Amino acid sequence: MKTYKVHGIIIKRRNHKETDKILTVITKQAGKLSLLAPGIRKVNSRRGPGLEIFNEVILTLHSGKFLDIVTDVALINSFSKIRSNLTHIAVAYELCEIADILTRENHEQQEVYDLLCAHLHRLNVGDLDCIYEFKRDILITLGFLSDEEAVLELDDYIERIAERRLFAPKIYE
């Protein structure tokens, strides 16, 4: 069993068993990872507050049989201004959902991490226009769109690629 660290942004969380969560994290070093965070649903969990969605973190992981296990977390940025505005929360959820559905697990894509991080920073200072630019930039970065192509309905284009509807609420339109 090996222990290692990754720098990442938490893009999705779901409950697992009674006190655990499974996290989806876009990392700088390893691309998208699914990780087990045991015990973070307990009231007295030390790691729980650092493992919230949208947080930029450094995670210490331990290789597991099924999923790698989060053993420690160091919070880099919680993007607190995003959390204080419902419209910004909706946009952040959409950024994370798009990053999740367009990327594959365990494929290093530092450009996607950098893109998501940059747009969350822009959103944190109130720039709501970052959503359109993020959609276009991630499609170009991942090779789904060229610089010259113009797509008016990026949401429809992303949904066709993902073969499913986007779930993030669009309260900002």
C-alpha atoms as a PDB file:
ATOM      1  CA  MET A   1       0.000   0.000   0.000  1.00  0.00           C
ATOM      2  CA  LYS A   2       1.353   3.410  -0.899  1.00  0.00           C
ATOM      3  CA  THR A   3       0.642   6.912   0.387  1.00  0.00           C
ATOM      4  CA  TYR A   4       0.753   9.941  -1.905  1.00  0.00           C
ATOM      5  CA  LYS A   5      -0.479  13.537  -2.187  1.00  0.00           C
ATOM      6  CA  VAL A   6      -2.540  15.273  -4.858  1.00  0.00           C
ATOM      7  CA  HIS A   7      -3.589  18.879  -5.385  1.00  0.00           C
ATOM      8  CA  GLY A   8      -7.221  19.013  -6.475  1.00  0.00           C
ATOM      9  CA  ILE A   9     -10.690  20.538  -6.568  1.00  0.00           C
ATOM     10  CA  ILE A  10     -13.638  18.587  -5.201  1.00  0.00           C
ATOM     11  CA  ILE A  11     -16.324  18.507  -7.895  1.00  0.00           C
ATOM     12  CA  LYS A  12     -18.788  15.931  -6.556  1.00  0.00           C
ATOM     13  CA  ARG A  13     -19.690  14.184  -3.292  1.00  0.00           C
ATOM     14  CA  ARG A  14     -22.090  11.350  -2.628  1.00  0.00           C
ATOM     15  CA  ASN A  15     -22.985   9.408   0.488  1.00  0.00           C
ATOM     16  CA  HIS A  16     -21.558   5.939   0.950  1.00  0.00           C
ATOM     17  CA  LYS A  17     -22.597   3.642   3.756  1.00  0.00           C
ATOM     18  CA  GLU A  18     -23.440   5.227   7.081  1.00  0.00           C
ATOM     19  CA  THR A  19     -20.619   7.697   7.705  1.00  0.00           C
ATOM     20  CA  ASP A  20     -18.546   7.823   4.502  1.00  0.00           C
ATOM     21  CA  LYS A  21     -18.616   9.787   1.266  1.00  0.00           C
ATOM     22  CA  ILE A  22     -17.231   9.103  -2.170  1.00  0.00           C
ATOM     23  CA  LEU A  23     -15.585  12.198  -3.615  1.00  0.00           C
ATOM     24  CA  THR A  24     -14.864  13.029  -7.228  1.00  0.00           C
ATOM     25  CA  VAL A  25     -11.817  15.262  -7.489  1.00  0.00           C
ATOM     26  CA  ILE A  26     -10.137  16.913 -10.480  1.00  0.00           C
ATOM     27  CA  THR A  27      -6.439  16.782  -9.640  1.00  0.00           C
ATOM     28  CA  LYS A  28      -3.389  18.498 -10.998  1.00  0.00           C
ATOM     29  CA  GLN A  29      -1.331  15.287 -11.080  1.00  0.00           C
ATOM     30  CA  ALA A  30      -3.721  12.427 -11.919  1.00  0.00           C
ATOM     31  CA  GLY A  31      -6.787  13.874 -13.625  1.00  0.00           C
ATOM     32  CA  LYS A  32     -10.193  12.930 -12.268  1.00  0.00           C
ATOM     33  CA  LEU A  33     -10.215  10.560  -9.297  1.00  0.00           C
ATOM     34  CA  SER A  34     -12.937   8.892  -7.234  1.00  0.00           C
ATOM     35  CA  LEU A  35     -11.887   8.664  -3.597  1.00  0.00           C
ATOM     36  CA  LEU A  36     -13.308   7.242  -0.394  1.00  0.00           C
ATOM     37  CA  ALA A  37     -13.501   9.638   2.551  1.00  0.00           C
ATOM     38  CA  PRO A  38     -14.285   7.408   5.533  1.00  0.00           C
ATOM     39  CA  GLY A  39     -16.089   8.884   8.510  1.00  0.00           C
ATOM     40  CA  ILE A  40     -16.538  12.435   7.183  1.00  0.00           C
ATOM     41  CA  ARG A  41     -20.283  12.392   7.798  1.00  0.00           C
ATOM     42  CA  LYS A  42     -19.656  12.081  11.544  1.00  0.00           C
ATOM     43  CA  VAL A  43     -20.318  15.297  13.463  1.00  0.00           C
ATOM     44  CA  ASN A  44     -16.837  15.294  14.989  1.00  0.00           C
ATOM     45  CA  SER A  45     -14.937  14.578  11.744  1.00  0.00           C
ATOM     46  CA  ARG A  46     -11.757  16.699  11.459  1.00  0.00           C
ATOM     47  CA  ARG A  47     -11.600  16.247   7.688  1.00  0.00           C
ATOM     48  CA  GLY A  48     -15.266  16.955   6.925  1.00  0.00           C
ATOM     49  CA  PRO A  49     -15.107  20.767   6.616  1.00  0.00           C
ATOM     50  CA  GLY A  50     -12.158  20.607   4.220  1.00  0.00           C
ATOM     51  CA  LEU A  51     -13.875  18.117   1.930  1.00  0.00           C
ATOM     52  CA  GLU A  52     -16.744  20.317   0.737  1.00  0.00           C
ATOM     53  CA  ILE A  53     -17.624  20.681  -2.939  1.00  0.00           C
ATOM     54  CA  PHE A  54     -15.694  23.444  -4.800  1.00  0.00           C
ATOM     55  CA  ASN A  55     -12.823  23.373  -2.265  1.00  0.00           C
ATOM     56  CA  GLU A  56      -9.280  23.496  -3.608  1.00  0.00           C
ATOM     57  CA  VAL A  57      -7.302  21.096  -1.417  1.00  0.00           C
ATOM     58  CA  ILE A  58      -4.148  19.051  -1.013  1.00  0.00           C
ATOM     59  CA  LEU A  59      -5.186  15.487  -0.198  1.00  0.00           C
ATOM     60  CA  THR A  60      -3.065  12.789   1.361  1.00  0.00           C
ATOM     61  CA  LEU A  61      -4.254   9.465  -0.056  1.00  0.00           C
ATOM     62  CA  HIS A  62      -3.634   5.843   0.739  1.00  0.00           C
ATOM     63  CA  SER A  63      -4.001   3.251  -2.029  1.00  0.00           C
ATOM     64  CA  GLY A  64      -7.000   1.037  -1.399  1.00  0.00           C
ATOM     65  CA  LYS A  65      -8.412  -2.103  -3.025  1.00  0.00           C
ATOM     66  CA  PHE A  66     -11.530  -0.474  -4.442  1.00  0.00           C
ATOM     67  CA  LEU A  67     -10.906   3.269  -4.115  1.00  0.00           C
ATOM     68  CA  ASP A  68      -8.002   5.264  -2.756  1.00  0.00           C
ATOM     69  CA  ILE A  69      -8.695   6.544   0.760  1.00  0.00           C
ATOM     70  CA  VAL A  70      -8.430  10.149   1.949  1.00  0.00           C
ATOM     71  CA  THR A  71      -6.293  10.191   5.098  1.00  0.00           C
ATOM     72  CA  ASP A  72      -5.652  13.935   5.427  1.00  0.00           C
ATOM     73  CA  VAL A  73      -6.757  17.193   3.856  1.00  0.00           C
ATOM     74  CA  ALA A  74      -5.173  20.643   3.706  1.00  0.00           C
ATOM     75  CA  LEU A  75      -7.509  23.411   2.538  1.00  0.00           C
ATOM     76  CA  ILE A  76      -6.021  25.786  -0.053  1.00  0.00           C
ATOM     77  CA  ASN A  77      -9.110  27.802  -1.018  1.00  0.00           C
ATOM     78  CA  SER A  78     -12.758  27.424  -0.027  1.00  0.00           C
ATOM     79  CA  PHE A  79     -14.015  30.058  -2.511  1.00  0.00           C
ATOM     80  CA  SER A  80     -16.092  31.576   0.299  1.00  0.00           C
ATOM     81  CA  LYS A  81     -17.587  34.359  -1.837  1.00  0.00           C
ATOM     82  CA  ILE A  82     -19.117  31.767  -4.168  1.00  0.00           C
ATOM     83  CA  ARG A  83     -20.884  30.176  -1.194  1.00  0.00           C
ATOM     84  CA  SER A  84     -22.515  33.459  -0.173  1.00  0.00           C
ATOM     85  CA  ASN A  85     -24.486  33.924  -3.417  1.00  0.00           C
ATOM     86  CA  LEU A  86     -27.036  31.450  -4.785  1.00  0.00           C
ATOM     87  CA  THR A  87     -26.375  32.427  -8.402  1.00  0.00           C
ATOM     88  CA  HIS A  88     -22.639  31.881  -7.951  1.00  0.00           C
ATOM     89  CA  ILE A  89     -23.303  28.493  -6.337  1.00  0.00           C
ATOM     90  CA  ALA A  90     -25.410  27.451  -9.354  1.00  0.00           C
ATOM     91  CA  VAL A  91     -22.651  28.503 -11.774  1.00  0.00           C
ATOM     92  CA  ALA A  92     -19.994  26.684  -9.704  1.00  0.00           C
ATOM     93  CA  TYR A  93     -22.108  23.504  -9.728  1.00  0.00           C
ATOM     94  CA  GLU A  94     -22.398  23.783 -13.497  1.00  0.00           C
ATOM     95  CA  LEU A  95     -18.631  24.263 -13.911  1.00  0.00           C
ATOM     96  CA  CYS A  96     -18.022  21.151 -11.801  1.00  0.00           C
ATOM     97  CA  GLU A  97     -20.678  19.079 -13.567  1.00  0.00           C
ATOM     98  CA  ILE A  98     -19.259  19.927 -16.993  1.00  0.00           C
ATOM     99  CA  ALA A  99     -15.719  19.079 -15.858  1.00  0.00           C
ATOM    100  CA  ASP A 100     -17.039  15.790 -14.476  1.00  0.00           C
ATOM    101  CA  ILE A 101     -18.993  14.622 -17.515  1.00  0.00           C
ATOM    102  CA  LEU A 102     -16.365  15.596 -20.100  1.00  0.00           C
ATOM    103  CA  THR A 103     -13.354  13.968 -18.420  1.00  0.00           C
ATOM    104  CA  ARG A 104     -12.338  10.354 -17.820  1.00  0.00           C
ATOM    105  CA  GLU A 105     -10.941   8.974 -14.607  1.00  0.00           C
ATOM    106  CA  ASN A 106      -7.212   8.463 -14.068  1.00  0.00           C
ATOM    107  CA  HIS A 107      -6.133  10.429 -17.155  1.00  0.00           C
ATOM    108  CA  GLU A 108      -3.782  13.277 -16.349  1.00  0.00           C
ATOM    109  CA  GLN A 109      -5.249  16.509 -17.686  1.00  0.00           C
ATOM    110  CA  GLN A 110      -3.589  19.373 -15.872  1.00  0.00           C
ATOM    111  CA  GLU A 111      -5.124  21.819 -18.372  1.00  0.00           C
ATOM    112  CA  VAL A 112      -8.626  20.898 -17.133  1.00  0.00           C
ATOM    113  CA  TYR A 113      -7.569  21.397 -13.512  1.00  0.00           C
ATOM    114  CA  ASP A 114      -5.994  24.775 -14.364  1.00  0.00           C
ATOM    115  CA  LEU A 115      -9.068  25.825 -16.332  1.00  0.00           C
ATOM    116  CA  LEU A 116     -11.504  24.868 -13.562  1.00  0.00           C
ATOM    117  CA  CYS A 117      -9.363  26.541 -10.911  1.00  0.00           C
ATOM    118  CA  ALA A 118      -9.037  29.766 -12.917  1.00  0.00           C
ATOM    119  CA  HIS A 119     -12.773  29.979 -13.571  1.00  0.00           C
ATOM    120  CA  LEU A 120     -13.665  29.279  -9.926  1.00  0.00           C
ATOM    121  CA  HIS A 121     -11.306  32.138  -8.972  1.00  0.00           C
ATOM    122  CA  ARG A 122     -13.062  34.409 -11.491  1.00  0.00           C
ATOM    123  CA  LEU A 123     -16.457  33.377 -10.161  1.00  0.00           C
ATOM    124  CA  ASN A 124     -15.260  34.001  -6.602  1.00  0.00           C
ATOM    125  CA  VAL A 125     -14.701  37.673  -7.485  1.00  0.00           C
ATOM    126  CA  GLY A 126     -18.129  37.934  -9.111  1.00  0.00           C
ATOM    127  CA  ASP A 127     -17.445  37.292 -12.811  1.00  0.00           C
ATOM    128  CA  LEU A 128     -20.549  35.398 -13.989  1.00  0.00           C
ATOM    129  CA  ASP A 129     -19.437  35.592 -17.625  1.00  0.00           C
ATOM    130  CA  CYS A 130     -16.861  32.902 -16.872  1.00  0.00           C
ATOM    131  CA  ILE A 131     -19.440  30.123 -17.474  1.00  0.00           C
ATOM    132  CA  TYR A 132     -19.650  30.617 -21.249  1.00  0.00           C
ATOM    133  CA  GLU A 133     -15.877  30.968 -21.565  1.00  0.00           C
ATOM    134  CA  PHE A 134     -15.333  27.845 -19.420  1.00  0.00           C
ATOM    135  CA  LYS A 135     -17.654  25.769 -21.627  1.00  0.00           C
ATOM    136  CA  ARG A 136     -15.891  26.891 -24.774  1.00  0.00           C
ATOM    137  CA  ASP A 137     -12.386  26.564 -23.287  1.00  0.00           C
ATOM    138  CA  ILE A 138     -12.926  23.055 -21.904  1.00  0.00           C
ATOM    139  CA  LEU A 139     -14.396  21.849 -25.213  1.00  0.00           C
ATOM    140  CA  ILE A 140     -11.341  23.226 -27.047  1.00  0.00           C
ATOM    141  CA  THR A 141      -8.891  21.845 -24.433  1.00  0.00           C
ATOM    142  CA  LEU A 142     -10.384  18.351 -24.643  1.00  0.00           C
ATOM    143  CA  GLY A 143     -10.507  18.378 -28.448  1.00  0.00           C
ATOM    144  CA  PHE A 144     -14.287  18.440 -28.864  1.00  0.00           C
ATOM    145  CA  LEU A 145     -14.170  21.837 -30.573  1.00  0.00           C
ATOM    146  CA  SER A 146     -11.588  23.724 -32.603  1.00  0.00           C
ATOM    147  CA  ASP A 147     -10.679  27.380 -32.125  1.00  0.00           C
ATOM    148  CA  GLU A 148     -12.356  28.272 -35.408  1.00  0.00           C
ATOM    149  CA  GLU A 149     -15.652  26.470 -34.825  1.00  0.00           C
ATOM    150  CA  ALA A 150     -18.596  28.485 -33.565  1.00  0.00           C
ATOM    151  CA  VAL A 151     -21.278  26.758 -31.541  1.00  0.00           C
ATOM    152  CA  LEU A 152     -24.151  28.921 -30.393  1.00  0.00           C
ATOM    153  CA  GLU A 153     -25.775  26.435 -28.025  1.00  0.00           C
ATOM    154  CA  LEU A 154     -22.883  25.080 -25.993  1.00  0.00           C
ATOM    155  CA  ASP A 155     -25.208  23.376 -23.493  1.00  0.00           C
ATOM    156  CA  ASP A 156     -26.849  21.341 -26.272  1.00  0.00           C
ATOM    157  CA  TYR A 157     -23.434  20.502 -27.716  1.00  0.00           C
ATOM    158  CA  ILE A 158     -22.131  19.318 -24.320  1.00  0.00           C
ATOM    159  CA  GLU A 159     -25.302  17.279 -23.714  1.00  0.00           C
ATOM    160  CA  ARG A 160     -24.886  15.539 -27.079  1.00  0.00           C
ATOM    161  CA  ILE A 161     -21.281  14.668 -26.230  1.00  0.00           C
ATOM    162  CA  ALA A 162     -22.217  13.404 -22.756  1.00  0.00           C
ATOM    163  CA  GLU A 163     -25.388  11.718 -24.023  1.00  0.00           C
ATOM    164  CA  ARG A 164     -27.335  13.082 -21.059  1.00  0.00           C
ATOM    165  CA  ARG A 165     -28.864  16.323 -19.812  1.00  0.00           C
ATOM    166  CA  LEU A 166     -26.998  18.726 -17.573  1.00  0.00           C
ATOM    167  CA  PHE A 167     -28.527  18.774 -14.096  1.00  0.00           C
ATOM    168  CA  ALA A 168     -27.060  22.005 -12.702  1.00  0.00           C
ATOM    169  CA  PRO A 169     -29.764  24.677 -12.259  1.00  0.00           C
ATOM    170  CA  LYS A 170     -29.570  27.629 -14.640  1.00  0.00           C
ATOM    171  CA  ILE A 171     -30.798  30.413 -12.364  1.00  0.00           C
ATOM    172  CA  TYR A 172     -28.334  32.923 -13.819  1.00  0.00           C
ATOM    173  CA  GLU A 173     -29.910  33.175 -17.278  1.00  0.00           C
END
